[in-house]
Amino acid sequence: PEVSSSVAADLSAILAKLGQAPEPAGEPEIAAAPTPVAAAVIQAPVAEVPAAVRAAPRAPANDQSARQRQAVSVRVDLDRIDKLMNLVGEIVITQSMLVECVRSLPYDVYAKTAEGILTLSRQTRELQDHVMAVRAQPVKAVFQRMPRLVRELAQTLGKEVRLVLEGENTEVDKTIIEELADPLTHMIRNSMDHGLETPDERAEAGKPREGTIKLIAEHRAGRIVISVTDDGRGINRDRLLAKARSRGLVGADERLQPEEIDQLIFAAGLSTAEQVSDISGRGVGMDVVRRNVESLGGRISVDSEPGRGCKFTLALPLTLAVLEGMVIRCGDDRYVIPIASVIETQHLASTPIERLPFGQEVLRWRGEVTPLYRLGDVMGSMGTTNENIVIIAETERGNNVGIAVDEIVGQQQVVVKSLEANYGAVNGASAATILGDGLVALILDIDSMLRLAASGDRPPQSDLKMAG
């Protein structure tokens, strides 16, 4: 039988693609050729396909391999990254010193060097951001350990528990990540043993038999905030207070507010467990959590509602090296507020201020009543203050507060220096920094400053100046 015209056309197309198109004059002969001959003509060119042509269909696989080769990683010792981070901190301090020196130059000289200083500042900021990106890791590495812990404790305690994880991709400094495992483990164990009831007890209370523990991480006010929430029985305040009094931690006639009683859970050697077990009852755990958290410049708090549940909130700085801050002045002293905590600034003269019966000043800001604190009074600033500027800042709980200062000096990157390691803990401040002129400035901790204002104590500013 003869080859049809359509088969001949397909044959011509194949040969054309292979670069061996038949002669035009031979097309009728090919059409009249028997089927075996046509098959031989088709097979011969296929056997002689060049290597480049045969490899063409596998190009996507080669592209994928190339992308895989590009996505390589290098294992670097953390000490080297720490040294690099320290060097970046020193560069930031030197850059601040240059800015201070340039400001004292004549205007014509300053104009020529200002562009270079601005370029140096931008490059220093980019260098710091890239180094921080190298050190940053998601908290997922720590969160992934908790489901197994919950399953094992649920089997041991005979409870039904569901663990909910949120914010696993929230990034934080590598140093902070390494210190999170133990505090989170203690808080989970506390919620499992003391917080959640047994399935029968939950059914009698009208709750689902399965308890829920939520582990949530998020960025808030320039910090990473991790909360552990359960829907259990809450803190038994009567039992906790009785235990504290039996151990002499609270006087027999001393009256405490419910929130103050809840804070007793962090006291050393205090436990509400009826019997000692491998899980609880030894009086260690939450006091260790508080000590470890405070050593990192963070804090831990607890909120409890009897019969509804308990919530532990862990707040830690995003980094222990460099942060973006607003430099302010109050009297003769300068302070730094983390820029992530600042919402707005305005003149105090244009803001209506009222005083409550117990003496607390408040201001009306965007239709809300916001408490106002004078920084000079709270921190014991030296020199004369006029405090005509208000900084609206955000606390870790999401509330707003007004802070009255004398002057906003500027915004810059500052190197975080530990107060505990170099001087000692200072109420109202989380750390210190070295400004461009070589003087020490406190980095304010908004929540700690509010507690300081409520207590009425004052930090020893004169001693700190001598230490700086």
Protein backbone atom coordinates (compact mmCIF):
# COMPACT_ATOMS: atom_id res chain seq x y z
CA PRO A 1 0.00 0.00 0.00
CA GLU A 2 1.09 3.56 -0.66
CA VAL A 3 1.81 6.19 2.01
CA SER A 4 -1.00 8.72 2.22
CA SER A 5 -0.37 12.43 1.68
CA SER A 6 -0.96 13.22 5.40
CA VAL A 7 1.71 10.72 6.50
CA ALA A 8 4.07 12.20 3.94
CA ALA A 9 3.42 15.69 5.34
CA ASP A 10 4.13 14.48 8.87
CA LEU A 11 7.33 12.85 7.65
CA SER A 12 8.43 16.06 5.98
CA ALA A 13 7.79 18.02 9.18
CA ILE A 14 9.86 15.56 11.25
CA LEU A 15 12.76 15.66 8.83
CA ALA A 16 12.61 19.44 8.69
CA LYS A 17 12.90 19.69 12.48
CA LEU A 18 15.92 17.39 12.38
CA GLY A 19 17.60 19.52 9.76
CA GLN A 20 17.33 16.87 7.07
CA ALA A 21 14.31 17.95 5.03
CA PRO A 22 13.82 15.90 1.83
CA GLU A 23 14.36 17.34 -1.61
CA PRO A 24 11.18 18.92 -3.01
CA ALA A 25 11.43 16.80 -6.13
CA GLY A 26 11.50 13.64 -4.06
CA GLU A 27 8.22 14.27 -2.26
CA PRO A 28 6.04 12.35 -4.82
CA GLU A 29 8.46 9.43 -4.67
CA ILE A 30 8.25 9.34 -0.89
CA ALA A 31 4.49 9.41 -1.14
CA ALA A 32 4.61 6.40 -3.49
CA ALA A 33 7.14 4.43 -1.44
CA PRO A 34 6.04 1.24 0.39
CA THR A 35 5.52 1.32 4.10
CA PRO A 36 8.77 -0.58 5.04
CA VAL A 37 10.85 1.93 3.08
CA ALA A 38 9.08 4.85 4.75
CA ALA A 39 9.77 3.30 8.15
CA ALA A 40 13.46 2.97 7.31
CA VAL A 41 13.64 6.57 6.17
CA ILE A 42 12.07 7.69 9.47
CA GLN A 43 14.31 5.58 11.70
CA ALA A 44 17.60 6.55 10.09
CA PRO A 45 17.54 10.27 10.93
CA VAL A 46 16.33 9.56 14.48
CA ALA A 47 19.38 7.41 15.12
CA GLU A 48 21.62 10.27 14.00
CA VAL A 49 20.05 13.04 16.13
CA PRO A 50 22.82 15.34 17.50
CA ALA A 51 23.47 15.22 21.24
CA ALA A 52 22.47 18.86 21.68
CA VAL A 53 19.12 18.20 20.05
CA ARG A 54 18.49 15.10 22.16
CA ALA A 55 19.29 17.05 25.37
CA ALA A 56 16.93 19.89 24.54
CA PRO A 57 13.80 18.32 26.07
CA ARG A 58 15.64 17.90 29.41
CA ALA A 59 16.47 21.62 29.72
CA PRO A 60 13.91 22.26 32.50
CA ALA A 61 15.53 19.55 34.64
CA ASN A 62 18.94 21.13 34.06
CA ASP A 63 17.52 24.54 35.04
CA GLN A 64 16.14 23.04 38.23
CA SER A 65 19.51 21.49 39.04
CA ALA A 66 21.15 24.86 38.48
CA ARG A 67 18.73 26.49 40.89
CA GLN A 68 19.45 23.78 43.44
CA ARG A 69 23.17 24.39 43.08
CA GLN A 70 22.62 28.13 43.64
CA ALA A 71 20.57 27.60 46.85
CA VAL A 72 23.58 26.53 48.90
CA SER A 73 24.25 27.24 52.55
CA VAL A 74 27.37 27.55 54.65
CA ARG A 75 27.63 26.40 58.26
CA VAL A 76 29.24 29.18 60.31
CA ASP A 77 30.20 29.07 63.96
CA LEU A 78 27.94 31.30 66.05
CA ASP A 79 30.96 32.88 67.74
CA ARG A 80 32.06 34.32 64.41
CA ILE A 81 28.65 35.85 63.86
CA ASP A 82 28.74 37.27 67.39
CA LYS A 83 32.10 38.88 66.69
CA LEU A 84 30.71 40.29 63.45
CA MET A 85 27.72 41.66 65.36
CA ASN A 86 29.99 43.26 67.95
CA LEU A 87 32.01 44.86 65.17
CA VAL A 88 28.82 46.24 63.64
CA GLY A 89 27.94 47.70 67.03
CA GLU A 90 31.30 49.45 67.24
CA ILE A 91 30.80 50.83 63.72
CA VAL A 92 27.43 52.22 64.79
CA ILE A 93 29.03 53.97 67.77
CA THR A 94 31.82 55.37 65.57
CA GLN A 95 29.28 56.59 63.03
CA SER A 96 27.40 58.41 65.82
CA MET A 97 30.66 60.03 66.92
CA LEU A 98 31.29 61.25 63.36
CA VAL A 99 27.81 62.76 63.21
CA GLU A 100 28.48 64.65 66.45
CA CYS A 101 31.82 65.91 65.16
CA VAL A 102 30.42 67.03 61.82
CA ARG A 103 27.71 69.11 63.47
CA SER A 104 30.35 71.40 65.00
CA LEU A 105 31.98 72.16 61.63
CA PRO A 106 31.33 75.38 59.68
CA TYR A 107 28.37 75.26 57.36
CA ASP A 108 30.37 75.16 54.11
CA VAL A 109 32.50 72.26 55.35
CA TYR A 110 29.48 70.52 56.85
CA ALA A 111 27.59 70.71 53.54
CA LYS A 112 30.42 68.88 51.76
CA THR A 113 30.68 66.09 54.31
CA ALA A 114 26.97 65.71 55.08
CA GLU A 115 26.34 63.62 51.97
CA GLY A 116 29.14 61.22 52.85
CA ILE A 117 27.92 60.95 56.43
CA LEU A 118 24.39 60.17 55.23
CA THR A 119 25.74 57.50 52.87
CA LEU A 120 27.77 55.99 55.69
CA SER A 121 24.69 55.96 57.92
CA ARG A 122 22.62 54.20 55.28
CA GLN A 123 25.30 51.61 54.60
CA THR A 124 25.79 51.00 58.33
CA ARG A 125 22.06 50.46 58.70
CA GLU A 126 22.00 48.01 55.80
CA LEU A 127 25.00 46.15 57.21
CA GLN A 128 23.30 45.85 60.58
CA ASP A 129 20.06 44.64 58.98
CA HIS A 130 21.88 41.94 56.99
CA VAL A 131 23.82 40.73 60.01
CA MET A 132 20.62 40.62 62.03
CA ALA A 133 18.96 38.65 59.22
CA VAL A 134 21.77 36.09 59.48
CA ARG A 135 21.21 35.76 63.23
CA ALA A 136 17.41 35.73 63.04
CA GLN A 137 15.61 32.40 63.22
CA PRO A 138 11.91 31.53 63.43
CA VAL A 139 10.59 30.29 66.76
CA LYS A 140 9.29 27.25 64.90
CA ALA A 141 12.44 25.38 65.94
CA VAL A 142 11.32 25.64 69.59
CA PHE A 143 7.57 25.34 69.00
CA GLN A 144 7.98 21.99 67.24
CA ARG A 145 9.20 20.40 70.47
CA MET A 146 6.00 21.17 72.35
CA PRO A 147 3.46 18.80 70.69
CA ARG A 148 5.41 15.77 71.84
CA LEU A 149 5.68 17.20 75.36
CA VAL A 150 1.92 17.76 75.45
CA ARG A 151 1.16 14.22 74.22
CA GLU A 152 3.43 12.61 76.80
CA LEU A 153 2.04 14.70 79.66
CA ALA A 154 -1.54 14.03 78.53
CA GLN A 155 -0.94 10.30 78.71
CA THR A 156 0.76 10.57 82.10
CA LEU A 157 -1.93 12.81 83.63
CA GLY A 158 -4.90 11.14 81.92
CA LYS A 159 -6.07 14.35 80.29
CA GLU A 160 -7.31 15.21 76.82
CA VAL A 161 -5.44 18.21 75.45
CA ARG A 162 -5.25 20.00 72.12
CA LEU A 163 -2.25 22.23 71.42
CA VAL A 164 -2.71 25.21 69.09
CA LEU A 165 0.42 26.86 67.65
CA GLU A 166 0.33 30.33 66.10
CA GLY A 167 3.09 32.61 64.82
CA GLU A 168 5.65 29.85 64.29
CA ASN A 169 7.42 31.90 61.61
CA THR A 170 8.00 34.85 63.93
CA GLU A 171 11.72 35.54 63.80
CA VAL A 172 13.94 36.41 66.73
CA ASP A 173 17.64 36.54 67.49
CA LYS A 174 19.48 33.21 67.63
CA THR A 175 20.58 33.90 71.22
CA ILE A 176 16.97 34.37 72.31
CA ILE A 177 15.88 31.19 70.51
CA GLU A 178 18.33 29.08 72.48
CA GLU A 179 17.00 30.41 75.79
CA LEU A 180 13.30 29.91 74.99
CA ALA A 181 13.10 26.13 75.29
CA ASP A 182 13.27 25.85 79.10
CA PRO A 183 10.79 28.68 79.92
CA LEU A 184 8.24 27.38 77.42
CA THR A 185 8.63 23.84 78.71
CA HIS A 186 7.98 24.96 82.29
CA MET A 187 4.94 27.01 81.29
CA ILE A 188 3.45 24.14 79.28
CA ARG A 189 3.99 21.71 82.16
CA ASN A 190 2.39 24.16 84.57
CA SER A 191 -0.68 24.57 82.35
CA MET A 192 -0.99 20.81 81.86
CA ASP A 193 -0.67 19.88 85.54
CA HIS A 194 -2.17 22.81 87.45
CA GLY A 195 -4.33 24.52 84.85
CA LEU A 196 -6.30 21.95 82.89
CA GLU A 197 -8.83 19.70 84.60
CA THR A 198 -9.45 16.03 83.94
CA PRO A 199 -12.06 15.20 81.28
CA ASP A 200 -14.67 14.30 83.94
CA GLU A 201 -14.08 17.54 85.84
CA ARG A 202 -14.39 19.56 82.64
CA ALA A 203 -17.64 17.79 81.77
CA GLU A 204 -19.08 18.58 85.20
CA ALA A 205 -18.11 22.23 84.76
CA GLY A 206 -19.86 22.40 81.38
CA LYS A 207 -16.63 22.52 79.37
CA PRO A 208 -15.53 20.31 76.49
CA ARG A 209 -13.74 17.20 77.69
CA GLU A 210 -10.73 18.20 75.63
CA GLY A 211 -8.74 21.10 77.02
CA THR A 212 -6.95 23.64 74.82
CA ILE A 213 -3.53 25.19 75.21
CA LYS A 214 -2.55 27.99 72.84
CA LEU A 215 1.08 28.86 72.19
CA ILE A 216 1.26 32.15 70.29
CA ALA A 217 4.24 34.25 69.19
CA GLU A 218 4.06 37.76 67.74
CA HIS A 219 5.99 41.00 67.41
CA ARG A 220 4.66 43.82 69.56
CA ALA A 221 6.18 47.15 70.67
CA GLY A 222 9.64 46.20 69.45
CA ARG A 223 9.66 42.89 71.32
CA ILE A 224 8.68 39.31 70.72
CA VAL A 225 5.72 38.38 72.88
CA ILE A 226 5.02 34.69 73.48
CA SER A 227 1.88 33.68 75.36
CA VAL A 228 0.79 30.33 76.77
CA THR A 229 -2.98 30.26 77.37
CA ASP A 230 -5.13 27.45 78.72
CA ASP A 231 -8.88 27.18 79.32
CA GLY A 232 -8.53 25.37 82.63
CA ARG A 233 -9.45 26.17 86.20
CA GLY A 234 -7.16 29.15 86.64
CA ILE A 235 -5.01 29.89 89.67
CA ASN A 236 -6.42 28.81 93.04
CA ARG A 237 -5.70 32.06 94.84
CA ASP A 238 -6.82 30.88 98.26
CA ARG A 239 -4.49 27.88 98.19
CA LEU A 240 -1.62 29.93 96.73
CA LEU A 241 -1.98 32.64 99.39
CA ALA A 242 -2.18 30.04 102.17
CA LYS A 243 1.01 28.38 100.90
CA ALA A 244 2.78 31.76 100.73
CA ARG A 245 1.78 32.60 104.28
CA SER A 246 2.86 29.20 105.57
CA ARG A 247 6.31 29.78 104.10
CA GLY A 248 6.56 33.33 105.42
CA LEU A 249 6.46 34.99 102.01
CA VAL A 250 3.33 36.97 102.96
CA GLY A 251 2.45 38.32 106.38
CA ALA A 252 -0.50 36.85 108.25
CA ASP A 253 -2.36 40.16 108.23
CA GLU A 254 -1.12 41.37 104.85
CA ARG A 255 -3.84 41.97 102.25
CA LEU A 256 -3.04 41.45 98.60
CA GLN A 257 -4.92 42.28 95.43
CA PRO A 258 -5.89 39.36 93.16
CA GLU A 259 -3.20 40.35 90.65
CA GLU A 260 -0.58 40.41 93.40
CA ILE A 261 -1.63 36.95 94.55
CA ASP A 262 -1.21 35.62 91.02
CA GLN A 263 2.37 36.92 90.93
CA LEU A 264 3.22 34.71 93.92
CA ILE A 265 3.39 31.78 91.51
CA PHE A 266 6.88 32.99 90.59
CA ALA A 267 8.15 32.83 94.18
CA ALA A 268 10.99 30.42 94.80
CA GLY A 269 10.11 27.20 96.60
CA LEU A 270 6.36 27.74 96.31
CA SER A 271 4.05 25.15 94.74
CA THR A 272 0.32 24.50 95.01
CA ALA A 273 0.65 20.81 94.14
CA GLU A 274 -0.79 18.53 96.80
CA GLN A 275 1.94 15.92 96.33
CA VAL A 276 5.41 15.88 94.83
CA SER A 277 5.72 14.13 91.47
CA ASP A 278 8.00 14.06 88.47
CA ILE A 279 5.92 16.83 86.93
CA SER A 280 5.43 19.31 89.77
CA GLY A 281 5.42 19.84 93.50
CA ARG A 282 9.10 20.56 94.06
CA GLY A 283 8.67 24.35 94.16
CA VAL A 284 11.03 24.95 91.24
CA GLY A 285 10.03 25.89 87.75
CA MET A 286 8.30 29.24 87.47
CA ASP A 287 10.91 31.02 89.61
CA VAL A 288 13.58 29.65 87.27
CA VAL A 289 11.56 30.88 84.30
CA ARG A 290 11.41 34.41 85.70
CA ARG A 291 15.13 34.44 86.48
CA ASN A 292 16.09 33.23 83.00
CA VAL A 293 13.76 35.66 81.28
CA GLU A 294 14.98 38.65 83.27
CA SER A 295 18.58 37.73 82.51
CA LEU A 296 17.73 38.24 78.82
CA GLY A 297 16.24 41.67 79.44
CA GLY A 298 12.66 40.38 79.28
CA ARG A 299 9.79 39.85 81.67
CA ILE A 300 7.01 37.38 82.35
CA SER A 301 3.53 38.07 83.66
CA VAL A 302 0.44 36.02 84.46
CA ASP A 303 -3.27 36.75 84.11
CA SER A 304 -5.79 34.36 85.61
CA GLU A 305 -9.55 34.17 85.74
CA PRO A 306 -10.90 31.51 88.13
CA GLY A 307 -12.79 28.83 86.27
CA ARG A 308 -11.93 30.27 82.85
CA GLY A 309 -8.20 29.75 82.45
CA CYS A 310 -4.76 31.26 82.81
CA LYS A 311 -2.40 33.14 80.50
CA PHE A 312 1.37 33.47 80.82
CA THR A 313 2.94 36.23 78.73
CA LEU A 314 6.64 36.18 77.96
CA ALA A 315 8.16 39.38 76.48
CA LEU A 316 11.73 39.41 75.19
CA PRO A 317 13.76 41.86 73.10
CA LEU A 318 14.07 41.02 69.42
CA THR A 319 17.83 41.40 69.59
CA LEU A 320 20.50 41.85 72.19
CA ALA A 321 22.81 43.91 69.97
CA VAL A 322 21.47 46.95 68.08
CA LEU A 323 18.09 48.66 67.95
CA GLU A 324 16.50 51.69 66.31
CA GLY A 325 15.79 54.30 68.95
CA MET A 326 14.57 57.85 69.51
CA VAL A 327 16.97 59.92 71.59
CA ILE A 328 15.16 62.28 73.96
CA ARG A 329 16.26 64.74 76.62
CA CYS A 330 14.76 65.47 79.99
CA GLY A 331 16.65 67.96 82.14
CA ASP A 332 20.36 67.23 81.88
CA ASP A 333 19.83 63.54 81.05
CA ARG A 334 19.26 61.82 77.75
CA TYR A 335 17.30 58.63 77.21
CA VAL A 336 16.47 56.31 74.33
CA ILE A 337 12.99 54.99 73.56
CA PRO A 338 12.78 52.03 71.11
CA ILE A 339 11.28 53.46 67.95
CA ALA A 340 8.98 50.44 67.63
CA SER A 341 7.21 51.56 70.82
CA VAL A 342 6.59 55.14 69.61
CA ILE A 343 3.22 55.85 68.02
CA GLU A 344 3.10 59.63 67.80
CA THR A 345 4.67 62.83 69.15
CA GLN A 346 2.96 66.17 69.79
CA HIS A 347 3.29 69.38 71.76
CA LEU A 348 1.91 69.27 75.25
CA ALA A 349 0.45 72.80 74.96
CA SER A 350 -1.98 71.64 72.25
CA THR A 351 -3.17 68.64 74.28
CA PRO A 352 -5.91 68.96 76.93
CA ILE A 353 -4.69 67.56 80.26
CA GLU A 354 -6.83 66.63 83.25
CA ARG A 355 -5.96 65.39 86.71
CA LEU A 356 -7.86 62.54 88.36
CA PRO A 357 -8.86 62.71 92.05
CA PHE A 358 -5.97 60.42 93.10
CA GLY A 359 -3.41 62.61 91.30
CA GLN A 360 -2.88 60.74 88.00
CA GLU A 361 -2.64 63.02 84.96
CA VAL A 362 -4.46 61.97 81.80
CA LEU A 363 -4.72 63.46 78.34
CA ARG A 364 -7.27 63.09 75.57
CA TRP A 365 -5.63 61.55 72.55
CA ARG A 366 -7.70 60.64 69.49
CA GLY A 367 -10.85 60.36 71.55
CA GLU A 368 -9.26 58.17 74.22
CA VAL A 369 -8.23 58.94 77.77
CA THR A 370 -4.51 58.15 78.01
CA PRO A 371 -2.45 58.27 81.22
CA LEU A 372 0.38 60.83 81.23
CA TYR A 373 3.70 60.44 83.02
CA ARG A 374 6.43 63.04 83.47
CA LEU A 375 9.71 61.36 82.57
CA GLY A 376 11.74 63.64 84.82
CA ASP A 377 9.65 62.75 87.86
CA VAL A 378 9.59 59.03 87.13
CA MET A 379 13.29 58.58 86.34
CA GLY A 380 14.60 61.26 88.71
CA SER A 381 16.25 63.33 85.98
CA MET A 382 18.72 65.97 87.10
CA GLY A 383 18.43 69.61 86.08
CA THR A 384 15.46 71.81 85.25
CA THR A 385 12.72 70.27 83.15
CA ASN A 386 9.87 71.87 81.22
CA GLU A 387 8.46 68.71 79.54
CA ASN A 388 6.52 70.37 76.76
CA ILE A 389 6.56 67.42 74.32
CA VAL A 390 4.43 64.29 74.64
CA ILE A 391 5.45 60.92 73.18
CA ILE A 392 2.57 58.48 72.77
CA ALA A 393 4.04 55.01 73.30
CA GLU A 394 2.60 51.50 73.22
CA THR A 395 2.93 49.02 76.06
CA GLU A 396 3.27 45.27 75.69
CA ARG A 397 -0.40 44.79 76.52
CA GLY A 398 -1.35 47.03 73.60
CA ASN A 399 -2.35 50.01 75.74
CA ASN A 400 -1.17 53.56 75.05
CA VAL A 401 0.61 55.88 77.44
CA GLY A 402 1.85 59.48 77.20
CA ILE A 403 5.40 60.38 78.25
CA ALA A 404 6.27 64.06 78.72
CA VAL A 405 9.87 65.02 77.79
CA ASP A 406 11.81 68.22 77.17
CA GLU A 407 13.23 67.61 73.70
CA ILE A 408 13.45 65.06 70.92
CA VAL A 409 17.14 64.97 69.98
CA GLY A 410 16.81 62.65 67.00
CA GLN A 411 16.49 59.11 65.75
CA GLN A 412 19.44 56.76 65.38
CA GLN A 413 20.66 53.22 65.78
CA VAL A 414 22.06 52.50 69.22
CA VAL A 415 24.14 49.63 70.53
CA VAL A 416 22.53 47.77 73.43
CA LYS A 417 24.79 47.37 76.46
CA SER A 418 23.68 45.23 79.38
CA LEU A 419 23.17 47.09 82.63
CA GLU A 420 23.26 43.97 84.77
CA ALA A 421 26.66 42.91 83.43
CA ASN A 422 28.30 46.35 83.61
CA TYR A 423 26.54 48.18 86.43
CA GLY A 424 23.39 46.67 87.89
CA ALA A 425 19.65 46.53 87.30
CA VAL A 426 17.99 49.95 86.95
CA ASN A 427 14.23 50.23 87.35
CA GLY A 428 12.56 51.76 84.31
CA ALA A 429 15.37 50.84 81.92
CA SER A 430 16.08 47.64 80.02
CA ALA A 431 19.65 48.45 78.99
CA ALA A 432 22.03 51.32 78.24
CA THR A 433 23.89 52.64 75.22
CA ILE A 434 26.87 54.85 74.38
CA LEU A 435 25.98 57.99 72.44
CA GLY A 436 28.17 59.76 69.91
CA ASP A 437 29.68 62.08 72.54
CA GLY A 438 30.73 59.11 74.67
CA LEU A 439 28.11 59.56 77.40
CA VAL A 440 25.84 56.78 78.63
CA ALA A 441 22.09 56.94 78.01
CA LEU A 442 19.44 54.63 79.43
CA ILE A 443 17.22 52.67 77.04
CA LEU A 444 13.77 53.02 78.54
CA ASP A 445 11.49 50.07 79.17
CA ILE A 446 7.95 51.44 78.97
CA ASP A 447 6.29 48.74 81.09
CA SER A 448 9.03 48.79 83.70
CA MET A 449 8.83 52.56 83.83
CA LEU A 450 5.09 52.39 84.53
CA ARG A 451 5.68 49.99 87.40
CA LEU A 452 8.35 52.33 88.70
CA ALA A 453 5.92 55.25 88.58
CA ALA A 454 3.34 53.21 90.49
CA SER A 455 5.84 52.26 93.19
CA GLY A 456 7.22 55.77 93.63
CA ASP A 457 10.88 54.65 93.71
CA ARG A 458 13.60 56.48 91.80
CA PRO A 459 16.66 54.99 90.10
CA PRO A 460 20.08 56.20 91.30
CA GLN A 461 20.91 58.51 88.40
CA SER A 462 23.97 60.08 90.04
CA ASP A 463 25.56 56.69 90.66
CA LEU A 464 24.86 55.66 87.08
CA LYS A 465 26.55 58.79 85.77
CA MET A 466 29.64 58.03 87.83
CA ALA A 467 29.64 54.47 86.52
CA GLY A 468 29.35 55.69 82.92
